[in-house]
Amino acid sequence: MREADAAQSGMMLRMESSSPKTGRRATIVTMSRELGVAPSTISRALKGEGRISSELRARIAQLAQDYGYTPHASARTMSSGRSGLIGLVLGASYNPFYTELLHEAVRQVALRGMRLLIIHAGPGPIERSTADSLLQYQVDGCLVTSVELPSYVSSVCSANGVPVVMVNRVPLLNASAVACDNLHGSAQLADVLVHGGCRRIALIRTSSSSSTGQERDAGFTRRLEQAGLRPVLRLDGRSTYEGGFEAGAHIASMPAARRPDAVFAVSDVMAYGVLDALRLGGLRAGQDIAVVGFDGLPQSARPIYDLTTVEQPIEAMMGRALDLLQARMADDRLIDETVLLRGRLILRGSSGRP
């Protein structure tokens, strides 16, 4: 091996092993010392900026790759004023709908070159300390899917220049929003039942203050009233499978003469509970009693449920929400806006008639 080649080989070996040996994170400074150039030259080369020879740029890129170098988030935040972090406030994890939202958020945020920070996941309102953490982690913006959001959270974010976009609910204040058109979707489900000959219709609602549940209740009830009907029974399903099951068990235990001939549960997860309870009670969905839900979760297509539902356009909702958020991250003068997207009615066996 020629001496020059050996020297070059030795240099490469030192480059590859220096970071593991020290156990310390590679930085722009350590790479500048390795190549004998200014740290600013390393920084500009990695950003693709400045007039730097193609040979030096290639050497810097190779060295960064050998070191496994990634920019330090704190340093990037200080230099740019942006962290690249998007906060995600999730709703209750026991509802599979929020799992679907999370998966879509992770996918789309990554495609846009940003990172996702889950701030809160669980039932109930967000505590003040949780809201404050949005600022502690210096998020550039925040997506909120939780059904309950105290005005304090919006106010804190607004006062500190952190834009908020709500997904699957309309805003209280200081936020934009993207949601499914719940009024239209629930009216479609009412039409399915009325046109199918149902006249004694029960509504499994939620006691939550969420705009989503209230709109679905209102849209469904309004369309029934236009047909000269009203729900004969209203039960609180508590937005859970267990709540839906209890409601379904109550309906199954009613005398046949008084029992509803159809049920609308304002979420798929409650509809699953209703269907399971009715089946255990000896009633056949789509034959003895019609059942419809709302959300369009993948589980609804399973033969055990075969649920008629309105599918929320999760991919389009998340994409539009990120569009709104990024626009407001770039220009804080933009006014808040609310976008409603139509869901897709999916007819299945649970709403069939004899």
Protein backbone atom coordinates (compact mmCIF):
# COMPACT_ATOMS: atom_id res chain seq x y z
CA MET A 1 0.00 0.00 0.00
CA ARG A 2 1.38 3.42 -0.89
CA GLU A 3 2.26 5.75 1.99
CA ALA A 4 -0.33 8.29 0.87
CA ASP A 5 -2.98 5.59 0.70
CA ALA A 6 -1.99 4.31 4.13
CA ALA A 7 -2.17 7.81 5.55
CA GLN A 8 -5.57 8.32 4.00
CA SER A 9 -6.71 4.93 5.29
CA GLY A 10 -5.46 5.82 8.76
CA MET A 11 -7.33 9.11 8.67
CA MET A 12 -10.52 7.31 7.74
CA LEU A 13 -10.04 4.83 10.56
CA ARG A 14 -9.59 7.67 13.04
CA MET A 15 -12.69 9.38 11.71
CA GLU A 16 -14.80 6.27 12.11
CA SER A 17 -13.57 5.37 15.56
CA SER A 18 -13.08 8.70 17.31
CA SER A 19 -16.71 9.21 18.29
CA PRO A 20 -17.30 5.66 19.68
CA LYS A 21 -14.01 5.80 21.63
CA THR A 22 -14.82 9.07 23.34
CA GLY A 23 -18.46 8.21 23.75
CA ARG A 24 -19.18 11.90 23.14
CA ARG A 25 -21.57 13.36 20.61
CA ALA A 26 -19.97 14.64 17.42
CA THR A 27 -20.39 18.40 16.94
CA ILE A 28 -19.63 20.97 14.29
CA VAL A 29 -16.62 22.02 16.38
CA THR A 30 -15.14 18.50 16.55
CA MET A 31 -15.59 18.07 12.80
CA SER A 32 -14.03 21.47 12.08
CA ARG A 33 -10.95 20.46 14.07
CA GLU A 34 -10.75 17.16 12.18
CA LEU A 35 -10.73 18.92 8.80
CA GLY A 36 -8.92 22.08 9.85
CA VAL A 37 -11.67 24.45 8.74
CA ALA A 38 -13.87 26.94 10.55
CA PRO A 39 -17.03 25.67 12.29
CA SER A 40 -19.05 28.11 10.17
CA THR A 41 -17.76 26.35 7.05
CA ILE A 42 -19.03 23.00 8.37
CA SER A 43 -22.39 24.52 9.22
CA ARG A 44 -22.83 26.18 5.81
CA ALA A 45 -21.79 23.03 3.96
CA LEU A 46 -24.29 20.85 5.83
CA LYS A 47 -27.04 23.38 5.12
CA GLY A 48 -26.09 23.52 1.44
CA GLU A 49 -25.24 27.21 1.76
CA GLY A 50 -22.24 29.35 0.83
CA ARG A 51 -19.56 29.10 -1.83
CA ILE A 52 -17.70 25.96 -0.83
CA SER A 53 -15.79 23.76 -3.24
CA SER A 54 -17.47 20.53 -4.22
CA GLU A 55 -14.44 18.60 -2.95
CA LEU A 56 -14.59 20.14 0.54
CA ARG A 57 -18.36 19.80 0.65
CA ALA A 58 -18.03 16.09 -0.15
CA ARG A 59 -15.37 15.63 2.56
CA ILE A 60 -17.61 17.35 5.12
CA ALA A 61 -20.61 15.23 4.12
CA GLN A 62 -18.55 12.05 4.40
CA LEU A 63 -17.18 13.05 7.79
CA ALA A 64 -20.68 13.84 9.07
CA GLN A 65 -21.82 10.44 7.87
CA ASP A 66 -18.87 8.68 9.50
CA TYR A 67 -19.54 10.40 12.80
CA GLY A 68 -23.27 9.76 12.57
CA TYR A 69 -23.69 13.50 13.03
CA THR A 70 -27.15 15.01 13.49
CA PRO A 71 -27.76 18.67 14.39
CA HIS A 72 -28.45 19.26 18.07
CA ALA A 73 -32.08 20.26 18.50
CA SER A 74 -31.35 22.97 21.09
CA ALA A 75 -28.67 24.56 18.93
CA ARG A 76 -30.96 24.47 15.93
CA THR A 77 -33.71 26.11 17.95
CA MET A 78 -31.42 28.91 19.12
CA SER A 79 -30.08 29.62 15.63
CA SER A 80 -33.39 29.45 13.77
CA GLY A 81 -35.98 30.26 16.41
CA ARG A 82 -37.72 27.01 15.43
CA SER A 83 -37.55 23.62 17.13
CA GLY A 84 -39.18 21.59 14.36
CA LEU A 85 -41.44 20.10 17.04
CA ILE A 86 -45.20 19.83 16.68
CA GLY A 87 -47.08 19.13 19.89
CA LEU A 88 -49.90 16.60 19.68
CA VAL A 89 -52.56 16.61 22.40
CA LEU A 90 -54.38 13.29 22.10
CA GLY A 91 -57.79 12.26 23.28
CA ALA A 92 -58.56 9.21 25.38
CA SER A 93 -56.49 6.24 24.19
CA TYR A 94 -59.29 3.74 24.84
CA ASN A 95 -61.09 5.04 21.77
CA PRO A 96 -59.49 3.45 18.67
CA PHE A 97 -60.31 6.58 16.68
CA TYR A 98 -57.52 8.48 18.43
CA THR A 99 -55.08 5.68 17.66
CA GLU A 100 -55.94 6.11 13.98
CA LEU A 101 -55.39 9.86 14.28
CA LEU A 102 -52.03 9.31 15.98
CA HIS A 103 -50.78 6.98 13.25
CA GLU A 104 -51.80 9.46 10.56
CA ALA A 105 -50.22 12.38 12.42
CA VAL A 106 -46.92 10.51 12.81
CA ARG A 107 -46.87 9.65 9.10
CA GLN A 108 -47.70 13.09 7.78
CA VAL A 109 -45.51 15.06 10.19
CA ALA A 110 -42.51 12.93 9.21
CA LEU A 111 -43.20 13.52 5.51
CA ARG A 112 -43.05 17.26 6.18
CA GLY A 113 -39.66 17.00 7.84
CA MET A 114 -40.87 17.78 11.34
CA ARG A 115 -41.03 15.84 14.59
CA LEU A 116 -43.99 15.00 16.79
CA LEU A 117 -44.11 15.46 20.55
CA ILE A 118 -47.05 13.85 22.36
CA ILE A 119 -48.00 16.23 25.13
CA HIS A 120 -51.03 14.56 26.67
CA ALA A 121 -53.06 11.42 26.15
CA GLY A 122 -55.99 10.47 28.33
CA PRO A 123 -59.52 11.30 29.35
CA GLY A 124 -60.64 14.51 30.98
CA PRO A 125 -59.40 18.08 30.71
CA ILE A 126 -55.78 19.04 30.25
CA GLU A 127 -54.13 20.24 33.44
CA ARG A 128 -52.45 23.65 33.61
CA SER A 129 -49.02 22.05 34.00
CA THR A 130 -49.58 20.01 30.84
CA ALA A 131 -50.51 23.14 28.94
CA ASP A 132 -47.39 24.88 30.21
CA SER A 133 -45.24 22.05 28.87
CA LEU A 134 -46.15 23.15 25.34
CA LEU A 135 -43.97 26.17 25.99
CA GLN A 136 -41.34 24.28 27.99
CA TYR A 137 -40.57 22.07 25.00
CA GLN A 138 -40.68 25.06 22.65
CA VAL A 139 -43.08 23.51 20.16
CA ASP A 140 -43.58 25.49 16.96
CA GLY A 141 -47.27 24.62 16.84
CA CYS A 142 -49.81 22.29 18.40
CA LEU A 143 -52.46 19.90 17.14
CA VAL A 144 -55.25 19.15 19.59
CA THR A 145 -57.51 16.10 19.23
CA SER A 146 -58.70 15.89 22.83
CA VAL A 147 -62.44 16.40 23.19
CA GLU A 148 -61.93 18.75 26.11
CA LEU A 149 -59.65 21.76 25.95
CA PRO A 150 -59.78 24.48 28.61
CA SER A 151 -59.61 28.00 27.20
CA TYR A 152 -56.44 28.43 29.29
CA VAL A 153 -54.49 26.22 26.87
CA SER A 154 -55.49 28.26 23.82
CA SER A 155 -54.82 31.51 25.65
CA VAL A 156 -51.34 30.44 26.79
CA CYS A 157 -50.38 29.29 23.30
CA SER A 158 -51.82 32.41 21.66
CA ALA A 159 -50.03 34.73 24.07
CA ASN A 160 -46.72 33.03 23.28
CA GLY A 161 -47.05 32.85 19.54
CA VAL A 162 -47.75 29.10 19.35
CA PRO A 163 -50.53 28.44 16.83
CA VAL A 164 -53.12 25.78 17.67
CA VAL A 165 -55.22 23.72 15.26
CA MET A 166 -57.90 21.41 16.59
CA VAL A 167 -58.70 18.16 14.82
CA ASN A 168 -62.08 16.45 15.14
CA ARG A 169 -63.67 19.33 17.05
CA VAL A 170 -64.44 23.00 16.65
CA PRO A 171 -62.49 25.60 18.63
CA LEU A 172 -63.51 27.48 21.71
CA LEU A 173 -61.22 30.42 20.96
CA ASN A 174 -57.71 31.30 19.77
CA ALA A 175 -57.45 28.31 17.43
CA SER A 176 -58.20 27.04 13.98
CA ALA A 177 -59.93 23.71 13.43
CA VAL A 178 -60.49 20.89 10.98
CA ALA A 179 -63.37 18.51 11.59
CA CYS A 180 -65.71 16.12 9.88
CA ASP A 181 -69.10 17.62 8.99
CA ASN A 182 -70.88 15.89 11.86
CA LEU A 183 -74.24 17.55 11.22
CA HIS A 184 -74.36 16.28 7.65
CA GLY A 185 -73.07 12.81 8.48
CA SER A 186 -75.53 12.21 11.31
CA ALA A 187 -78.40 13.45 9.13
CA GLN A 188 -77.40 10.84 6.53
CA LEU A 189 -77.58 8.12 9.19
CA ALA A 190 -81.04 9.31 10.25
CA ASP A 191 -82.16 9.05 6.62
CA VAL A 192 -80.86 5.48 6.41
CA LEU A 193 -82.99 4.44 9.39
CA VAL A 194 -86.12 6.40 8.45
CA HIS A 195 -86.04 5.23 4.84
CA GLY A 196 -85.54 1.70 6.13
CA GLY A 197 -88.88 1.91 7.93
CA CYS A 198 -87.62 2.52 11.49
CA ARG A 199 -89.92 4.59 13.70
CA ARG A 200 -88.85 3.88 17.27
CA ILE A 201 -85.26 5.10 17.30
CA ALA A 202 -82.93 5.28 20.29
CA LEU A 203 -79.92 7.59 20.52
CA ILE A 204 -76.78 6.60 22.46
CA ARG A 205 -75.22 9.96 23.19
CA THR A 206 -72.29 11.12 25.30
CA SER A 207 -72.35 13.31 28.38
CA SER A 208 -69.09 14.91 27.22
CA SER A 209 -69.13 18.61 26.38
CA SER A 210 -67.36 17.92 23.09
CA SER A 211 -68.64 19.70 20.02
CA THR A 212 -68.33 16.42 18.09
CA GLY A 213 -70.88 14.53 20.18
CA GLN A 214 -73.22 17.50 20.44
CA GLU A 215 -73.23 18.07 16.68
CA ARG A 216 -73.93 14.42 15.91
CA ASP A 217 -76.79 14.42 18.40
CA ALA A 218 -78.19 17.65 16.96
CA GLY A 219 -77.88 16.65 13.30
CA PHE A 220 -79.52 13.28 13.86
CA THR A 221 -82.35 14.66 16.02
CA ARG A 222 -83.06 17.51 13.61
CA ARG A 223 -83.43 15.14 10.66
CA LEU A 224 -85.75 12.88 12.67
CA GLU A 225 -87.90 15.89 13.52
CA GLN A 226 -88.11 16.78 9.84
CA ALA A 227 -89.55 13.28 9.35
CA GLY A 228 -92.05 13.83 12.19
CA LEU A 229 -90.12 11.67 14.67
CA ARG A 230 -88.14 12.09 17.87
CA PRO A 231 -85.80 9.68 19.64
CA VAL A 232 -87.89 7.44 21.88
CA LEU A 233 -84.93 6.81 24.17
CA ARG A 234 -81.72 8.66 25.04
CA LEU A 235 -78.96 6.86 26.90
CA ASP A 236 -75.50 8.06 27.92
CA GLY A 237 -72.85 5.76 26.46
CA ARG A 238 -70.02 7.80 28.06
CA SER A 239 -68.02 7.59 24.81
CA THR A 240 -66.81 4.10 25.77
CA TYR A 241 -67.37 0.50 24.72
CA GLU A 242 -68.55 -0.26 28.26
CA GLY A 243 -71.07 2.55 28.16
CA GLY A 244 -72.38 1.31 24.82
CA PHE A 245 -72.62 -2.22 26.16
CA GLU A 246 -74.67 -1.07 29.15
CA ALA A 247 -77.00 0.86 26.85
CA GLY A 248 -77.38 -2.15 24.55
CA ALA A 249 -78.09 -4.45 27.50
CA HIS A 250 -80.80 -2.06 28.70
CA ILE A 251 -82.44 -2.03 25.27
CA ALA A 252 -82.24 -5.82 24.95
CA SER A 253 -84.01 -6.22 28.31
CA MET A 254 -86.96 -4.02 27.32
CA PRO A 255 -90.34 -5.62 26.42
CA ALA A 256 -90.61 -6.14 22.68
CA ALA A 257 -93.59 -3.78 22.42
CA ARG A 258 -91.58 -0.90 23.90
CA ARG A 259 -88.16 -1.75 22.55
CA PRO A 260 -86.64 0.60 19.91
CA ASP A 261 -86.41 -0.76 16.38
CA ALA A 262 -83.18 1.15 15.69
CA VAL A 263 -80.20 2.61 17.54
CA PHE A 264 -77.81 5.41 16.61
CA ALA A 265 -74.59 5.47 18.68
CA VAL A 266 -72.68 8.72 18.13
CA SER A 267 -69.37 6.84 17.91
CA ASP A 268 -68.36 3.47 16.51
CA VAL A 269 -66.74 2.36 19.78
CA MET A 270 -70.08 2.74 21.59
CA ALA A 271 -71.85 1.00 18.72
CA TYR A 272 -69.59 -2.04 19.20
CA GLY A 273 -70.73 -2.28 22.80
CA VAL A 274 -74.36 -1.96 21.76
CA LEU A 275 -74.02 -4.69 19.13
CA ASP A 276 -72.31 -7.11 21.50
CA ALA A 277 -74.94 -6.58 24.20
CA LEU A 278 -77.82 -6.99 21.75
CA ARG A 279 -76.32 -10.22 20.42
CA LEU A 280 -75.93 -11.62 23.93
CA GLY A 281 -79.52 -10.58 24.57
CA GLY A 282 -80.72 -12.68 21.64
CA LEU A 283 -81.34 -9.84 19.17
CA ARG A 284 -80.00 -9.81 15.63
CA ALA A 285 -78.64 -6.50 14.34
CA GLY A 286 -80.07 -5.65 10.94
CA GLN A 287 -83.01 -8.04 11.45
CA ASP A 288 -84.55 -7.56 14.89
CA ILE A 289 -83.07 -4.09 15.36
CA ALA A 290 -81.02 -1.71 13.21
CA VAL A 291 -77.78 -0.19 14.52
CA VAL A 292 -75.63 2.60 13.07
CA GLY A 293 -72.48 4.35 14.33
CA PHE A 294 -70.12 7.16 13.37
CA ASP A 295 -66.33 7.30 12.74
CA GLY A 296 -65.68 4.57 10.17
CA LEU A 297 -63.08 2.68 12.18
CA PRO A 298 -61.49 -0.36 10.48
CA GLN A 299 -63.05 -2.68 13.09
CA SER A 300 -66.50 -1.69 11.83
CA ALA A 301 -65.99 -3.82 8.71
CA ARG A 302 -65.41 -7.00 10.74
CA PRO A 303 -68.16 -9.58 10.16
CA ILE A 304 -68.98 -9.65 13.88
CA TYR A 305 -70.06 -5.99 13.66
CA ASP A 306 -70.72 -5.28 9.94
CA LEU A 307 -71.57 -1.76 11.08
CA THR A 308 -73.22 0.94 8.99
CA THR A 309 -71.29 4.12 9.76
CA VAL A 310 -69.97 7.44 8.47
CA GLU A 311 -66.23 7.27 7.90
CA GLN A 312 -64.28 10.34 8.94
CA PRO A 313 -61.71 11.46 6.30
CA ILE A 314 -58.76 11.14 8.71
CA GLU A 315 -56.02 11.48 6.09
CA ALA A 316 -57.57 14.63 4.58
CA MET A 317 -58.33 16.08 8.01
CA MET A 318 -54.78 15.67 9.24
CA GLY A 319 -53.33 17.02 6.01
CA ARG A 320 -55.53 20.10 6.12
CA ALA A 321 -54.78 20.62 9.81
CA LEU A 322 -51.03 20.57 9.16
CA ASP A 323 -51.51 22.98 6.24
CA LEU A 324 -53.30 25.42 8.55
CA LEU A 325 -50.71 24.97 11.28
CA GLN A 326 -47.69 25.51 9.04
CA ALA A 327 -49.28 28.56 7.45
CA ARG A 328 -49.77 30.12 10.89
CA MET A 329 -46.29 29.13 12.00
CA ALA A 330 -44.99 31.11 9.01
CA ASP A 331 -47.35 34.10 9.41
CA ASP A 332 -48.93 34.86 12.79
CA ARG A 333 -51.13 37.52 11.22
CA LEU A 334 -53.41 34.93 9.64
CA ILE A 335 -56.85 34.76 11.21
CA ASP A 336 -58.22 31.52 12.62
CA GLU A 337 -60.52 29.45 10.45
CA THR A 338 -62.62 26.31 10.72
CA VAL A 339 -62.70 23.72 7.93
CA LEU A 340 -65.40 21.05 7.69
CA LEU A 341 -64.86 17.98 5.50
CA ARG A 342 -67.59 15.56 4.45
CA GLY A 343 -67.44 11.98 5.69
CA ARG A 344 -68.33 8.88 3.66
CA LEU A 345 -71.50 6.93 4.38
CA ILE A 346 -70.80 3.17 4.43
CA LEU A 347 -73.87 0.92 4.34
CA ARG A 348 -73.49 -2.51 5.91
CA GLY A 349 -75.66 -5.25 7.34
CA SER A 350 -76.26 -3.74 10.80
CA SER A 351 -78.82 -1.30 9.40
CA GLY A 352 -80.63 -3.82 7.16
CA ARG A 353 -84.33 -4.58 7.48
CA PRO A 354 -86.19 -7.94 7.29
